[in-house]
Amino acid sequence: MSGTHDNELLISRHLAGSASPRELEALGARLEAEPDLARTLYARAAMERDLRVLFKAARPATRGSRLRIKPSRRSIAGTSPGSVAIRPRRRWWVTAAAAAAVIAFGILFRAKQSPQQPDTLAVLEQARGKVYLDREGAEREVRSGHRIAAHDTLRTDSPDSEAQVVYLSGSRLTLRGKTTLALAPRAATDDTAYDVHLATGSLDAEIAHAQAGRFAFSTPHARVLVTGTSLMLDVEPLRTRVDVDTGHVRVTCNASGRTVVLAGGGYAVVDKASFADVRPAARTAPAPDGPVALYTFQEKRGPVVHDVSGFGKPLDLRVETLDGIVRLPGGGLRLAKDTVIRSIRPATKIVDACRAGREVSVELWVRPQPYASKARRTHRRIMALSSPRSSRSDLFVMVLRTDPSPTYAYYARARAELEPRDEEVRLLSRSEVRPERTHIVLTRSAAGRSALYVNGNCEALQDSAVRSGFSEWPADSYLYVANGPLGNSCSLGDYLSLAVYCRALSDEEIAARYRAGPPQDKGGKLRQAVGPE
């Protein structure tokens, strides 16, 4: 005998005690040659022993009809002393099979009587804040791990809420703030297998490659067919904004029927009538004189702060907690409570541009909110470019420093590679910090000179023996506003604009920018405001 079937037959005959001496000899040889077969034998013996115990507990044995379990009198070479031979005096398995049939019938009957559960389409992987699920008109709060079916509606009801929905096929949707989303609210069209309706709010989408071309979003203003992999949607009562990170997206206006195709770095704004603004793809420039990242904080709602520099792929920021955020009428954000504002993805385009130009400038318009610290000196970050995995994480940083006096000053530094910590350039302003609109600029030139300007005046200047060259800046660094990677150093106040350049601005340029005031994004075009207040 040979093969798996023969092995099972030998084991069955051995356990039943009906194996011949020749079969026992064959089984012993196979046990020596195949360790897995020995494990199978031990498992079968244990299983039959357990079945005998269960049968005995279910039906107490009567006198003269005991089931005996005793060691086998026939030894087999290669088996352990724990192997057993089971010789039941009656066909107990007939009763066991009947009992199993009764149990199976009961399970099937109960399943028929209970309502059928809908097929799982996705799972709520993570939930922060309150998340509600509406199924057939009944809404209830759900938590991480809850299964989501087609036609279910998810709702997050606070600015701090966040919910991550992961499809069984691998696609991921992240709901932020006050958002209402329905999965497959109607029959899929355009040959799409997945249809999602975003009624209001914001979400990020990472679509699995296998679903490209088969995943669609609908909003009150547009229909978005995903032919790529990653995008962001923001829906307001009067418009829908689509930002594409990677891949391609086809956007169709509900009112006009016009369709545009967006590539990575592109965006479109659709209102109730037509497309209000479209940029099909990212713009690139080899060595821009303008900013490589620009934020004017003109958004009316939502957690996203858009990069309007027009250079490369937009490096948008995300406000982690909207509680305590006030939108200023003329543009800008007022932070009344601690929060973190961080770039959605690593600031690769800033790092690459500064490496190529060997220089950097950071320009800020803020209205700081001074605070008192009676115990010790404290530092509150106004902005920073930092790597979460580096022990010397701040590549450049601006800080509002408070001494116990209290006295307030702006503190800044820009770090080049191989610069020892005790030789770092550290700049401290001389003028008094006031709660009024203030223009701050940090520059570092290729020659290693760093300077800090406040309201057009150079207040700190220092040369470094290390010539600038940012080749060691980590590519996974993130841009932070009003805080740092640890989230424990928030600087409150008004933030009006932030610009990053890959060159060192001159004294004349900085003075002119101070006189012109903060930049404003009007109709997609960059212009300068009238002047400081």
Protein backbone atom coordinates (compact mmCIF):
# COMPACT_ATOMS: atom_id res chain seq x y z
CA MET A 1 0.00 0.00 0.00
CA SER A 2 1.17 3.52 -0.73
CA GLY A 3 -0.19 7.08 -0.75
CA THR A 4 -2.25 9.22 1.61
CA HIS A 5 -5.32 7.01 1.28
CA ASP A 6 -3.30 3.95 2.34
CA ASN A 7 -1.91 5.85 5.36
CA GLU A 8 -5.41 6.78 6.50
CA LEU A 9 -6.55 3.18 6.10
CA LEU A 10 -3.62 1.84 8.16
CA ILE A 11 -4.26 4.39 10.94
CA SER A 12 -7.99 3.58 11.02
CA ARG A 13 -7.33 -0.18 11.24
CA HIS A 14 -4.70 0.32 13.95
CA LEU A 15 -7.02 2.45 16.08
CA ALA A 16 -9.87 -0.04 15.59
CA GLY A 17 -7.55 -2.91 16.57
CA SER A 18 -8.14 -4.79 13.31
CA ALA A 19 -4.75 -4.30 11.64
CA SER A 20 -2.84 -7.43 10.63
CA PRO A 21 0.81 -7.99 11.70
CA ARG A 22 1.93 -7.12 8.15
CA GLU A 23 -0.05 -3.88 8.21
CA LEU A 24 1.36 -2.97 11.64
CA GLU A 25 4.88 -3.54 10.33
CA ALA A 26 4.17 -1.30 7.30
CA LEU A 27 2.67 1.42 9.50
CA GLY A 28 5.67 1.38 11.84
CA ALA A 29 8.07 1.82 8.90
CA ARG A 30 6.08 4.77 7.59
CA LEU A 31 5.96 6.40 11.03
CA GLU A 32 9.74 6.28 11.17
CA ALA A 33 10.08 7.78 7.68
CA GLU A 34 7.29 10.41 7.96
CA PRO A 35 7.18 12.46 11.20
CA ASP A 36 3.99 14.22 10.00
CA LEU A 37 2.25 10.84 9.85
CA ALA A 38 3.13 10.18 13.49
CA ARG A 39 1.58 13.52 14.46
CA THR A 40 -1.53 12.58 12.49
CA LEU A 41 -1.76 9.30 14.38
CA TYR A 42 -1.48 11.03 17.76
CA ALA A 43 -4.13 13.59 16.76
CA ARG A 44 -6.54 10.90 15.58
CA ALA A 45 -6.10 8.96 18.79
CA ALA A 46 -6.73 12.05 20.90
CA MET A 47 -9.79 12.95 18.84
CA GLU A 48 -11.36 9.54 19.27
CA ARG A 49 -10.58 9.60 22.97
CA ASP A 50 -12.34 12.97 23.32
CA LEU A 51 -15.34 11.69 21.36
CA ARG A 52 -15.61 8.70 23.66
CA VAL A 53 -15.55 10.96 26.73
CA LEU A 54 -18.24 13.23 25.27
CA PHE A 55 -20.42 10.26 24.33
CA LYS A 56 -20.06 8.79 27.77
CA ALA A 57 -21.04 12.12 29.40
CA ALA A 58 -24.09 12.44 27.15
CA ARG A 59 -25.28 8.87 27.75
CA PRO A 60 -24.20 7.25 31.06
CA ALA A 61 -22.97 3.75 30.49
CA THR A 62 -25.05 0.90 31.88
CA ARG A 63 -23.68 -2.16 33.51
CA GLY A 64 -22.14 -4.51 31.03
CA SER A 65 -21.91 -1.98 28.25
CA ARG A 66 -18.84 0.08 29.24
CA LEU A 67 -16.58 1.51 26.56
CA ARG A 68 -13.02 0.62 27.37
CA ILE A 69 -9.96 2.66 26.43
CA LYS A 70 -6.74 0.79 27.03
CA PRO A 71 -3.20 0.77 25.69
CA SER A 72 -2.72 -1.27 22.55
CA ARG A 73 -1.30 -4.72 23.13
CA ARG A 74 0.38 -4.56 19.75
CA SER A 75 3.46 -2.36 19.82
CA ILE A 76 4.39 -0.39 16.75
CA ALA A 77 7.93 0.70 16.08
CA GLY A 78 8.24 4.48 15.98
CA THR A 79 5.09 5.28 17.97
CA SER A 80 5.02 6.86 21.39
CA PRO A 81 3.90 5.06 24.52
CA GLY A 82 0.85 7.33 24.56
CA SER A 83 -0.70 5.77 21.46
CA VAL A 84 -3.93 3.87 22.25
CA ALA A 85 -6.15 1.28 20.71
CA ILE A 86 -9.91 1.83 21.05
CA ARG A 87 -12.20 -1.15 20.92
CA PRO A 88 -15.82 -0.09 21.42
CA ARG A 89 -18.20 -2.96 22.05
CA ARG A 90 -21.02 -1.30 20.14
CA ARG A 91 -21.29 1.08 17.24
CA TRP A 92 -21.31 4.24 19.32
CA TRP A 93 -20.62 6.40 16.28
CA VAL A 94 -24.13 5.71 15.01
CA THR A 95 -25.59 7.50 18.05
CA ALA A 96 -23.02 10.30 17.73
CA ALA A 97 -23.92 10.81 14.08
CA ALA A 98 -27.61 10.99 14.94
CA ALA A 99 -26.92 13.59 17.63
CA ALA A 100 -24.83 15.66 15.19
CA ALA A 101 -27.66 15.54 12.65
CA VAL A 102 -30.15 16.83 15.24
CA ILE A 103 -27.80 19.69 16.20
CA ALA A 104 -27.21 20.64 12.55
CA PHE A 105 -30.98 20.64 11.91
CA GLY A 106 -31.49 22.96 14.88
CA ILE A 107 -28.83 25.37 13.65
CA LEU A 108 -30.34 25.51 10.17
CA PHE A 109 -33.83 26.01 11.58
CA ARG A 110 -32.68 28.87 13.79
CA ALA A 111 -30.80 30.50 10.90
CA LYS A 112 -33.96 30.38 8.80
CA GLN A 113 -36.01 32.00 11.53
CA SER A 114 -33.46 34.85 12.19
CA PRO A 115 -33.30 37.81 9.77
CA GLN A 116 -30.61 37.52 7.10
CA GLN A 117 -27.60 39.79 7.68
CA PRO A 118 -26.45 41.88 4.69
CA ASP A 119 -23.16 41.02 3.05
CA THR A 120 -20.16 42.89 4.47
CA LEU A 121 -18.72 45.43 2.05
CA ALA A 122 -16.23 47.20 4.33
CA VAL A 123 -15.10 47.47 7.95
CA LEU A 124 -14.82 50.52 10.21
CA GLU A 125 -11.12 50.12 11.02
CA GLN A 126 -10.62 53.18 13.22
CA ALA A 127 -12.98 55.70 14.79
CA ARG A 128 -12.20 58.89 16.68
CA GLY A 129 -15.09 60.77 18.19
CA LYS A 130 -18.67 59.67 17.61
CA VAL A 131 -19.47 57.75 14.43
CA TYR A 132 -23.05 56.79 13.56
CA LEU A 133 -24.32 54.16 11.14
CA ASP A 134 -27.78 54.29 9.55
CA ARG A 135 -29.15 50.97 8.27
CA GLU A 136 -32.70 50.86 6.88
CA GLY A 137 -33.68 54.01 8.79
CA ALA A 138 -32.31 52.90 12.17
CA GLU A 139 -29.27 54.94 13.28
CA ARG A 140 -26.92 53.93 16.08
CA GLU A 141 -23.39 54.69 17.26
CA VAL A 142 -20.72 52.25 16.09
CA ARG A 143 -17.09 51.63 17.04
CA SER A 144 -13.95 50.25 15.47
CA GLY A 145 -14.38 46.80 13.96
CA HIS A 146 -18.03 47.27 12.95
CA ARG A 147 -18.99 45.75 9.60
CA ILE A 148 -20.51 47.98 6.93
CA ALA A 149 -22.82 46.76 4.16
CA ALA A 150 -24.06 48.25 0.91
CA HIS A 151 -26.65 51.04 1.37
CA ASP A 152 -25.36 51.84 4.88
CA THR A 153 -24.81 55.53 5.71
CA LEU A 154 -21.97 56.72 7.96
CA ARG A 155 -22.02 60.04 9.78
CA THR A 156 -19.40 61.82 11.87
CA ASP A 157 -20.90 64.68 13.87
CA SER A 158 -18.03 66.77 15.29
CA PRO A 159 -15.07 68.72 13.86
CA ASP A 160 -12.67 66.37 15.67
CA SER A 161 -14.23 63.14 14.41
CA GLU A 162 -12.36 60.80 12.09
CA ALA A 163 -13.39 57.42 10.69
CA GLN A 164 -11.37 55.05 8.50
CA VAL A 165 -13.41 52.69 6.32
CA VAL A 166 -11.50 49.82 4.70
CA TYR A 167 -13.12 47.82 1.90
CA LEU A 168 -12.55 44.07 1.79
CA SER A 169 -10.92 44.69 -1.60
CA GLY A 170 -8.29 46.98 -0.03
CA SER A 171 -9.54 50.52 -0.77
CA ARG A 172 -9.51 52.96 2.14
CA LEU A 173 -11.74 55.99 2.84
CA THR A 174 -10.96 58.42 5.68
CA LEU A 175 -13.82 60.66 6.83
CA ARG A 176 -12.89 63.86 8.68
CA GLY A 177 -14.94 66.45 10.55
CA LYS A 178 -18.69 66.61 10.03
CA THR A 179 -19.16 64.22 7.13
CA THR A 180 -22.06 62.13 5.80
CA LEU A 181 -21.30 59.28 3.41
CA ALA A 182 -23.45 56.50 1.94
CA LEU A 183 -22.05 53.32 0.41
CA ALA A 184 -23.69 52.28 -2.87
CA PRO A 185 -26.83 54.41 -2.38
CA ARG A 186 -28.17 53.42 -5.77
CA ALA A 187 -27.50 50.98 -8.57
CA ALA A 188 -23.95 51.46 -9.85
CA THR A 189 -23.67 53.19 -13.20
CA ASP A 190 -20.89 53.59 -15.75
CA ASP A 191 -20.01 49.94 -15.15
CA THR A 192 -18.73 50.83 -11.67
CA ALA A 193 -18.74 48.17 -8.99
CA TYR A 194 -18.42 50.63 -6.08
CA ASP A 195 -20.55 53.77 -5.79
CA VAL A 196 -20.20 56.17 -2.84
CA HIS A 197 -22.29 59.29 -2.22
CA LEU A 198 -20.67 62.10 -0.21
CA ALA A 199 -23.46 64.42 0.89
CA THR A 200 -21.30 66.81 2.92
CA GLY A 201 -17.88 66.97 4.57
CA SER A 202 -14.38 65.83 3.68
CA LEU A 203 -12.71 62.52 2.93
CA ASP A 204 -9.42 61.10 1.67
CA ALA A 205 -9.54 58.10 -0.64
CA GLU A 206 -6.89 55.53 -1.47
CA ILE A 207 -8.32 53.25 -4.12
CA ALA A 208 -6.83 49.79 -4.70
CA HIS A 209 -5.29 49.31 -8.14
CA ALA A 210 -7.70 46.47 -8.87
CA GLN A 211 -10.64 48.89 -8.47
CA ALA A 212 -9.27 51.65 -10.72
CA GLY A 213 -12.01 52.59 -13.16
CA ARG A 214 -14.67 50.80 -11.09
CA PHE A 215 -14.91 53.18 -8.11
CA ALA A 216 -17.03 56.35 -8.30
CA PHE A 217 -18.03 59.14 -5.92
CA SER A 218 -21.10 61.33 -6.31
CA THR A 219 -21.77 64.67 -4.60
CA PRO A 220 -24.60 67.19 -4.96
CA HIS A 221 -22.52 68.97 -7.63
CA ALA A 222 -20.43 66.37 -9.47
CA ARG A 223 -19.64 62.76 -10.19
CA VAL A 224 -16.03 61.58 -9.77
CA LEU A 225 -14.81 58.40 -11.47
CA VAL A 226 -11.49 57.23 -10.05
CA THR A 227 -9.11 55.85 -12.66
CA GLY A 228 -6.05 56.30 -10.40
CA THR A 229 -5.35 55.64 -6.76
CA SER A 230 -5.45 58.62 -4.37
CA LEU A 231 -7.57 61.77 -4.05
CA MET A 232 -9.33 64.14 -1.62
CA LEU A 233 -12.94 65.36 -1.70
CA ASP A 234 -14.41 68.34 0.13
CA VAL A 235 -18.14 69.07 -0.18
CA GLU A 236 -19.80 72.31 0.91
CA PRO A 237 -23.42 73.40 0.32
CA LEU A 238 -22.47 75.43 -2.78
CA ARG A 239 -19.49 73.60 -4.23
CA THR A 240 -17.35 70.44 -4.40
CA ARG A 241 -13.54 70.43 -4.55
CA VAL A 242 -11.54 67.47 -5.87
CA ASP A 243 -7.76 67.24 -5.29
CA VAL A 244 -5.80 64.43 -6.96
CA ASP A 245 -2.68 63.11 -5.29
CA THR A 246 -1.70 60.26 -7.61
CA GLY A 247 -3.26 58.67 -10.68
CA HIS A 248 -6.14 60.14 -12.71
CA VAL A 249 -9.70 61.17 -11.91
CA ARG A 250 -12.59 61.98 -14.27
CA VAL A 251 -14.87 64.72 -12.89
CA THR A 252 -18.30 65.43 -14.43
CA CYS A 253 -20.40 68.47 -13.50
CA ASN A 254 -23.97 67.44 -12.69
CA ALA A 255 -25.50 70.66 -14.09
CA SER A 256 -23.58 71.18 -17.34
CA GLY A 257 -22.49 67.62 -18.08
CA ARG A 258 -18.96 68.84 -18.83
CA THR A 259 -16.16 66.40 -17.96
CA VAL A 260 -12.52 67.13 -17.13
CA VAL A 261 -9.68 64.71 -16.43
CA LEU A 262 -7.34 65.51 -13.53
CA ALA A 263 -3.84 64.09 -13.01
CA GLY A 264 -1.63 64.06 -9.92
CA GLY A 265 -1.37 67.54 -8.43
CA GLY A 266 -4.49 68.75 -10.25
CA TYR A 267 -7.73 69.99 -8.74
CA ALA A 268 -11.21 71.12 -9.73
CA VAL A 269 -13.90 73.18 -8.01
CA VAL A 270 -17.47 72.47 -9.14
CA ASP A 271 -20.45 74.59 -8.12
CA LYS A 272 -24.15 74.17 -8.87
CA ALA A 273 -23.80 75.46 -12.44
CA SER A 274 -20.32 74.61 -13.79
CA PHE A 275 -16.61 74.34 -13.05
CA ALA A 276 -15.51 77.37 -11.02
CA ASP A 277 -11.78 76.55 -11.15
CA VAL A 278 -9.73 73.81 -12.79
CA ARG A 279 -6.04 72.90 -12.82
CA PRO A 280 -5.70 69.60 -14.71
CA ALA A 281 -2.23 68.72 -13.40
CA ALA A 282 0.63 69.95 -11.26
CA ARG A 283 2.74 72.76 -12.64
CA THR A 284 6.48 72.40 -12.53
CA ALA A 285 9.33 74.88 -12.73
CA PRO A 286 13.06 74.09 -12.70
CA ALA A 287 14.21 76.84 -10.29
CA PRO A 288 11.35 79.12 -9.25
CA ASP A 289 11.97 82.63 -7.96
CA GLY A 290 8.60 82.47 -6.25
CA PRO A 291 7.62 80.27 -3.33
CA VAL A 292 7.79 76.48 -3.59
CA ALA A 293 4.97 76.32 -1.01
CA LEU A 294 2.44 79.06 -0.23
CA TYR A 295 -0.50 79.10 2.19
CA THR A 296 -2.87 82.08 2.43
CA PHE A 297 -5.47 80.40 4.71
CA GLN A 298 -8.39 81.57 2.54
CA GLU A 299 -10.46 78.38 3.02
CA LYS A 300 -13.94 79.02 4.42
CA ARG A 301 -14.37 75.61 6.05
CA GLY A 302 -12.95 72.11 6.27
CA PRO A 303 -9.70 70.76 7.68
CA VAL A 304 -7.54 71.25 4.55
CA VAL A 305 -5.30 74.29 3.96
CA HIS A 306 -4.36 74.35 0.28
CA ASP A 307 -0.92 75.02 -1.15
CA VAL A 308 -1.51 77.76 -3.77
CA SER A 309 2.10 78.21 -4.89
CA GLY A 310 1.46 76.55 -8.25
CA PHE A 311 4.82 74.78 -8.02
CA GLY A 312 4.96 71.00 -8.29
CA LYS A 313 2.43 68.77 -6.59
CA PRO A 314 0.47 70.80 -3.98
CA LEU A 315 1.69 70.19 -0.44
CA ASP A 316 -1.62 70.72 1.36
CA LEU A 317 -1.87 71.00 5.14
CA ARG A 318 -4.46 69.42 7.40
CA VAL A 319 -5.82 70.87 10.64
CA GLU A 320 -6.01 67.98 13.08
CA THR A 321 -8.56 69.54 15.43
CA LEU A 322 -11.06 72.14 14.20
CA ASP A 323 -12.35 72.88 17.69
CA GLY A 324 -11.16 76.39 18.58
CA ILE A 325 -10.43 77.36 14.94
CA VAL A 326 -11.89 80.71 13.81
CA ARG A 327 -11.93 81.79 10.13
CA LEU A 328 -10.97 85.46 9.84
CA PRO A 329 -13.14 87.58 7.49
CA GLY A 330 -10.21 88.83 5.38
CA GLY A 331 -8.52 85.42 5.29
CA GLY A 332 -6.50 83.60 7.91
CA LEU A 333 -6.90 81.21 10.81
CA ARG A 334 -7.22 82.14 14.46
CA LEU A 335 -6.11 79.39 16.84
CA ALA A 336 -7.86 79.71 20.20
CA LYS A 337 -7.03 76.16 21.36
CA ASP A 338 -4.09 73.80 20.93
CA THR A 339 -4.04 71.90 17.66
CA VAL A 340 -1.63 70.48 15.08
CA ILE A 341 -1.48 71.65 11.46
CA ARG A 342 0.71 69.29 9.40
CA SER A 343 1.34 68.60 5.74
CA ILE A 344 -0.72 65.70 4.43
CA ARG A 345 2.35 64.06 2.91
CA PRO A 346 6.13 64.47 3.41
CA ALA A 347 7.44 67.85 2.24
CA THR A 348 9.58 66.23 -0.45
CA LYS A 349 9.24 69.10 -2.90
CA ILE A 350 10.57 71.60 -0.32
CA VAL A 351 13.50 69.36 0.60
CA ASP A 352 14.39 68.67 -3.05
CA ALA A 353 14.13 72.34 -4.07
CA CYS A 354 16.32 73.50 -1.14
CA ARG A 355 18.88 70.82 -1.89
CA ALA A 356 19.07 72.04 -5.48
CA GLY A 357 19.23 75.75 -4.56
CA ARG A 358 21.39 75.26 -1.44
CA GLU A 359 19.40 78.04 0.23
CA VAL A 360 16.11 78.53 2.07
CA SER A 361 13.81 81.34 3.18
CA VAL A 362 10.66 81.14 5.29
CA GLU A 363 8.20 84.06 5.34
CA LEU A 364 5.33 84.36 7.82
CA TRP A 365 2.55 86.82 8.55
CA VAL A 366 1.18 86.19 12.06
CA ARG A 367 -0.57 87.94 14.92
CA PRO A 368 0.94 86.20 17.98
CA GLN A 369 -0.77 85.67 21.29
CA PRO A 370 1.85 86.12 24.05
CA TYR A 371 1.52 83.99 27.14
CA ALA A 372 3.12 84.03 30.57
CA SER A 373 5.35 81.31 31.99
CA LYS A 374 6.37 82.01 35.57
CA ALA A 375 8.25 78.78 36.18
CA ARG A 376 10.76 78.42 33.34
CA ARG A 377 11.67 79.36 29.80
CA THR A 378 9.28 77.87 27.26
CA HIS A 379 9.21 77.61 23.48
CA ARG A 380 6.08 77.54 21.34
CA ARG A 381 6.57 76.59 17.70
CA ILE A 382 5.13 78.93 15.09
CA MET A 383 6.22 76.64 12.24
CA ALA A 384 8.79 73.91 11.60
CA LEU A 385 10.05 71.48 8.99
CA SER A 386 10.75 68.31 10.97
CA SER A 387 11.34 64.61 10.50
CA PRO A 388 9.43 62.35 12.90
CA ARG A 389 12.28 59.80 12.94
CA SER A 390 15.27 62.14 13.43
CA SER A 391 16.75 62.92 16.84
CA ARG A 392 17.63 66.38 15.47
CA SER A 393 14.29 66.79 13.85
CA ASP A 394 13.90 70.53 13.20
CA LEU A 395 15.48 71.39 9.85
CA PHE A 396 14.22 74.93 10.19
CA VAL A 397 11.95 76.34 12.87
CA MET A 398 10.44 79.57 14.18
CA VAL A 399 9.54 79.75 17.83
CA LEU A 400 7.87 82.22 20.19
CA ARG A 401 10.11 82.13 23.27
CA THR A 402 8.94 83.20 26.72
CA ASP A 403 11.20 83.83 29.70
CA PRO A 404 9.92 83.82 33.31
CA SER A 405 10.20 87.65 33.43
CA PRO A 406 8.09 87.45 31.21
CA THR A 407 9.80 88.71 28.06
CA TYR A 408 8.93 87.55 24.57
CA ALA A 409 11.16 87.06 21.57
CA TYR A 410 11.23 85.25 18.25
CA TYR A 411 13.76 82.44 18.07
CA ALA A 412 14.71 80.71 14.82
CA ARG A 413 17.28 78.43 13.24
CA ALA A 414 17.93 76.72 9.91
CA ARG A 415 20.14 73.65 10.02
CA ALA A 416 22.57 72.43 7.36
CA GLU A 417 24.11 68.97 7.20
CA LEU A 418 26.97 67.91 9.49
CA GLU A 419 26.48 70.96 11.70
CA PRO A 420 27.38 70.09 15.32
CA ARG A 421 24.69 70.89 17.84
CA ASP A 422 26.94 73.28 19.76
CA GLU A 423 27.68 75.19 16.54
CA GLU A 424 24.08 75.50 15.38
CA VAL A 425 22.97 78.91 14.20
CA ARG A 426 20.43 80.21 16.71
CA LEU A 427 18.83 83.58 16.10
CA LEU A 428 16.97 85.64 18.70
CA SER A 429 15.02 88.81 17.90
CA ARG A 430 15.61 92.06 19.78
CA SER A 431 12.27 93.81 19.43
CA GLU A 432 9.36 93.27 21.77
CA VAL A 433 6.71 90.79 20.62
CA ARG A 434 3.30 92.45 20.41
CA PRO A 435 -0.14 90.92 19.70
CA GLU A 436 -0.38 92.67 16.32
CA ARG A 437 0.16 91.67 12.72
CA THR A 438 3.85 90.85 12.32
CA HIS A 439 6.06 89.96 9.37
CA ILE A 440 8.82 87.40 10.17
CA VAL A 441 11.43 86.06 7.74
CA LEU A 442 14.18 83.47 8.29
CA THR A 443 16.87 83.07 5.61
CA ARG A 444 19.97 80.93 5.15
CA SER A 445 22.33 81.45 2.24
CA ALA A 446 24.66 79.04 0.45
CA ALA A 447 27.58 80.79 2.18
CA GLY A 448 26.22 79.71 5.59
CA ARG A 449 24.81 83.10 6.68
CA SER A 450 21.51 82.99 8.60
CA ALA A 451 19.34 86.02 9.33
CA LEU A 452 16.11 86.76 11.18
CA TYR A 453 13.95 89.71 10.08
CA VAL A 454 11.00 91.20 11.97
CA ASN A 455 8.79 93.74 10.17
CA GLY A 456 11.40 94.34 7.49
CA ASN A 457 14.34 94.86 9.87
CA CYS A 458 17.24 92.42 10.33
CA GLU A 459 17.32 91.71 14.06
CA ALA A 460 19.74 88.77 14.18
CA LEU A 461 22.57 87.72 11.89
CA GLN A 462 25.06 84.86 12.27
CA ASP A 463 27.58 83.10 10.06
CA SER A 464 28.30 79.38 10.24
CA ALA A 465 31.53 77.60 9.38
CA VAL A 466 29.40 74.96 7.67
CA ARG A 467 28.43 76.00 4.16
CA SER A 468 24.77 75.35 3.38
CA GLY A 469 23.94 72.21 1.54
CA PHE A 470 20.91 70.29 2.62
CA SER A 471 21.81 66.87 1.20
CA GLU A 472 21.31 65.25 4.60
CA TRP A 473 17.85 66.63 5.15
CA PRO A 474 15.51 63.61 5.53
CA ALA A 475 13.12 63.25 2.60
CA ASP A 476 10.33 62.17 4.99
CA SER A 477 10.22 65.54 6.77
CA TYR A 478 6.80 67.16 7.31
CA LEU A 479 5.83 70.82 7.37
CA TYR A 480 4.19 71.89 10.64
CA VAL A 481 2.33 75.11 11.44
CA ALA A 482 1.61 76.30 15.00
CA ASN A 483 3.12 73.15 16.51
CA GLY A 484 5.74 70.41 16.16
CA PRO A 485 5.87 66.61 15.76
CA LEU A 486 5.12 65.96 19.44
CA GLY A 487 2.03 68.18 19.41
CA ASN A 488 2.88 69.79 22.76
CA SER A 489 4.18 73.22 21.74
CA CYS A 490 1.26 75.00 20.06
CA SER A 491 1.59 78.74 19.50
CA LEU A 492 -1.84 80.38 19.57
CA GLY A 493 -2.82 83.46 17.60
CA ASP A 494 -3.69 84.45 14.02
CA TYR A 495 -1.96 82.87 11.01
CA LEU A 496 -2.32 84.94 7.84
CA SER A 497 0.18 83.45 5.39
CA LEU A 498 3.21 81.18 5.11
CA ALA A 499 5.65 80.94 2.19
CA VAL A 500 8.77 78.80 1.72
CA TYR A 501 11.43 79.66 -0.88
CA CYS A 502 14.43 77.69 -2.11
CA ARG A 503 16.61 80.81 -2.15
CA ALA A 504 17.73 83.42 0.37
CA LEU A 505 15.64 86.58 0.03
CA SER A 506 17.61 89.82 -0.05
CA ASP A 507 17.22 92.73 2.38
CA GLU A 508 15.48 94.79 -0.31
CA GLU A 509 13.03 91.99 -1.15
CA ILE A 510 12.12 91.46 2.50
CA ALA A 511 11.54 95.18 3.09
CA ALA A 512 9.34 95.37 -0.03
CA ARG A 513 7.31 92.33 1.02
CA TYR A 514 6.75 93.85 4.44
CA ARG A 515 5.47 97.08 2.88
CA ALA A 516 3.17 95.13 0.49
CA GLY A 517 1.56 93.04 3.22
CA PRO A 518 0.50 89.38 3.15
CA PRO A 519 -0.27 87.74 -0.21
CA GLN A 520 -3.89 86.95 -1.04
CA ASP A 521 -5.21 84.27 -3.35
CA LYS A 522 -7.98 85.90 -5.47
CA GLY A 523 -9.58 83.95 -8.29
CA GLY A 524 -6.63 81.58 -8.52
CA LYS A 525 -4.18 84.48 -9.10
CA LEU A 526 -1.56 85.66 -6.64
CA ARG A 527 -1.54 89.36 -5.78
CA GLN A 528 -0.36 91.51 -2.89
CA ALA A 529 -2.61 93.12 -0.32
CA VAL A 530 -2.75 96.90 0.13
CA GLY A 531 -0.42 97.00 3.13
CA PRO A 532 -0.06 96.39 6.84
CA GLU A 533 -2.67 97.49 9.30
